[in-house]
Structure formats: structure tokens, C-alpha cells
C-alpha atoms as a PDB file:
ATOM      1  CA  UNK A   1     -72.234 -96.249 -35.826  1.00  0.00           C
ATOM      2  CA  UNK A   2     -75.350 -98.265 -35.201  1.00  0.00           C
ATOM      3  CA  UNK A   3     -79.015 -97.367 -34.817  1.00  0.00           C
ATOM      4  CA  UNK A   4     -82.098 -99.526 -34.898  1.00  0.00           C
ATOM      5  CA  UNK A   5     -81.155-102.429 -37.168  1.00  0.00           C
ATOM      6  CA  UNK A   6     -78.744-100.384 -39.304  1.00  0.00           C
ATOM      7  CA  UNK A   7     -75.009 -99.819 -39.224  1.00  0.00           C
ATOM      8  CA  UNK A   8     -72.811 -97.227 -40.921  1.00  0.00           C
ATOM      9  CA  UNK A   9     -69.101 -96.428 -40.887  1.00  0.00           C
ATOM     10  CA  UNK A  10     -67.743 -92.911 -40.578  1.00  0.00           C
ATOM     11  CA  UNK A  11     -66.153 -91.948 -43.915  1.00  0.00           C
ATOM     12  CA  UNK A  12     -65.127 -88.352 -43.108  1.00  0.00           C
ATOM     13  CA  UNK A  13     -65.252 -85.768 -40.349  1.00  0.00           C
ATOM     14  CA  UNK A  14     -65.165 -82.012 -40.564  1.00  0.00           C
ATOM     15  CA  UNK A  15     -62.441 -80.342 -38.508  1.00  0.00           C
ATOM     16  CA  UNK A  16     -64.967 -78.931 -36.019  1.00  0.00           C
ATOM     17  CA  UNK A  17     -67.405 -81.843 -35.732  1.00  0.00           C
ATOM     18  CA  UNK A  18     -66.656 -82.726 -32.091  1.00  0.00           C
ATOM     19  CA  UNK A  19     -66.175 -79.067 -31.117  1.00  0.00           C
ATOM     20  CA  UNK A  20     -69.690 -78.383 -32.467  1.00  0.00           C
ATOM     21  CA  UNK A  21     -71.025 -81.222 -30.326  1.00  0.00           C
ATOM     22  CA  UNK A  22     -69.268 -79.862 -27.268  1.00  0.00           C
ATOM     23  CA  UNK A  23     -70.046 -76.168 -27.843  1.00  0.00           C
ATOM     24  CA  UNK A  24     -73.540 -76.329 -29.361  1.00  0.00           C
ATOM     25  CA  UNK A  25     -74.770 -79.779 -28.399  1.00  0.00           C
ATOM     26  CA  UNK A  26     -75.404 -80.804 -32.004  1.00  0.00           C
ATOM     27  CA  UNK A  27     -73.854 -83.000 -34.691  1.00  0.00           C
ATOM     28  CA  UNK A  28     -74.710 -83.127 -38.383  1.00  0.00           C
ATOM     29  CA  UNK A  29     -74.578 -86.603 -39.943  1.00  0.00           C
ATOM     30  CA  UNK A  30     -74.616 -86.996 -43.728  1.00  0.00           C
ATOM     31  CA  UNK A  31     -75.640 -90.478 -44.878  1.00  0.00           C
ATOM     32  CA  UNK A  32     -74.267 -90.286 -48.437  1.00  0.00           C
ATOM     33  CA  UNK A  33     -70.884 -91.965 -48.009  1.00  0.00           C
ATOM     34  CA  UNK A  34     -68.887 -88.864 -48.971  1.00  0.00           C
ATOM     35  CA  UNK A  35     -65.086 -89.224 -48.737  1.00  0.00           C
ATOM     36  CA  UNK A  36     -64.727 -85.678 -47.356  1.00  0.00           C
ATOM     37  CA  UNK A  37     -66.897 -83.344 -45.290  1.00  0.00           C
ATOM     38  CA  UNK A  38     -68.176 -80.200 -47.018  1.00  0.00           C
ATOM     39  CA  UNK A  39     -69.004 -78.444 -43.738  1.00  0.00           C
ATOM     40  CA  UNK A  40     -66.695 -78.048 -40.733  1.00  0.00           C
ATOM     41  CA  UNK A  41     -69.148 -79.641 -38.287  1.00  0.00           C
ATOM     42  CA  UNK A  42     -70.286 -82.507 -40.535  1.00  0.00           C
ATOM     43  CA  UNK A  43     -69.723 -86.230 -39.968  1.00  0.00           C
ATOM     44  CA  UNK A  44     -70.137 -88.305 -43.143  1.00  0.00           C
ATOM     45  CA  UNK A  45     -71.075 -91.978 -42.947  1.00  0.00           C
ATOM     46  CA  UNK A  46     -71.568 -94.776 -45.466  1.00  0.00           C
ATOM     47  CA  UNK A  47     -74.630 -94.476 -47.665  1.00  0.00           C
ATOM     48  CA  UNK A  48     -77.875 -95.830 -46.271  1.00  0.00           C
ATOM     49  CA  UNK A  49     -81.036 -96.039 -48.424  1.00  0.00           C
ATOM     50  CA  UNK A  50     -83.536 -93.275 -47.625  1.00  0.00           C
ATOM     51  CA  UNK A  51     -86.385 -95.685 -46.898  1.00  0.00           C
ATOM     52  CA  UNK A  52     -84.189 -97.434 -44.308  1.00  0.00           C
ATOM     53  CA  UNK A  53     -83.308 -94.083 -42.685  1.00  0.00           C
ATOM     54  CA  UNK A  54     -86.981 -93.056 -42.443  1.00  0.00           C
ATOM     55  CA  UNK A  55     -87.858 -96.405 -40.879  1.00  0.00           C
ATOM     56  CA  UNK A  56     -84.957 -96.553 -38.412  1.00  0.00           C
ATOM     57  CA  UNK A  57     -84.405 -92.902 -37.381  1.00  0.00           C
ATOM     58  CA  UNK A  58     -87.467 -92.029 -35.359  1.00  0.00           C
ATOM     59  CA  UNK A  59     -87.801 -90.267 -31.994  1.00  0.00           C
ATOM     60  CA  UNK A  60     -86.450 -92.507 -29.271  1.00  0.00           C
ATOM     61  CA  UNK A  61     -83.934 -94.303 -31.532  1.00  0.00           C
ATOM     62  CA  UNK A  62     -80.578 -94.759 -29.823  1.00  0.00           C
ATOM     63  CA  UNK A  63     -77.460 -93.943 -31.860  1.00  0.00           C
ATOM     64  CA  UNK A  64     -74.282 -95.729 -30.857  1.00  0.00           C
ATOM     65  CA  UNK A  65     -70.783 -94.766 -32.049  1.00  0.00           C
ATOM     66  CA  UNK A  66     -68.146 -97.461 -31.599  1.00  0.00           C
ATOM     67  CA  UNK A  67     -64.478 -97.685 -32.440  1.00  0.00           C
ATOM     68  CA  UNK A  68     -63.562-100.270 -35.052  1.00  0.00           C
END
């Protein structure tokens, strides 16, 4: 997954993450690098420092999910 100048790898996905996107139009990303998702609709990605997230994730930022 890439956004701005940052990259992160998906580390875990809840069993309903894509169903939530389809049904509700939303996805929850957790940027802590967790090896398992605590919530059924959560997608966990590698840890990114908070200051980098605040700088990169602003309105208008494009998120891109790619296969490895």
C-alpha cells in the first residue's frame, strides 16, 4: 500500500474487511504492524511513525493497494 511518499505492507486482515468496503463503503486501516486483526473489518499494515502519517494522510491523498 502506498500513499504520498510512504509505503506499508498489509500484515493482517479481518475476515470481513472487504465485505465492509463493499457493503458500507469504508475500510479501517491500523498502522501498528499487528500480526492479527482485532476487529472483523480491520486491515493491519506495517507500523508507520505518527508524524509521517499526519504529514502524508491529508485530504486529497491517494491510497494505492498493490499486489506484491
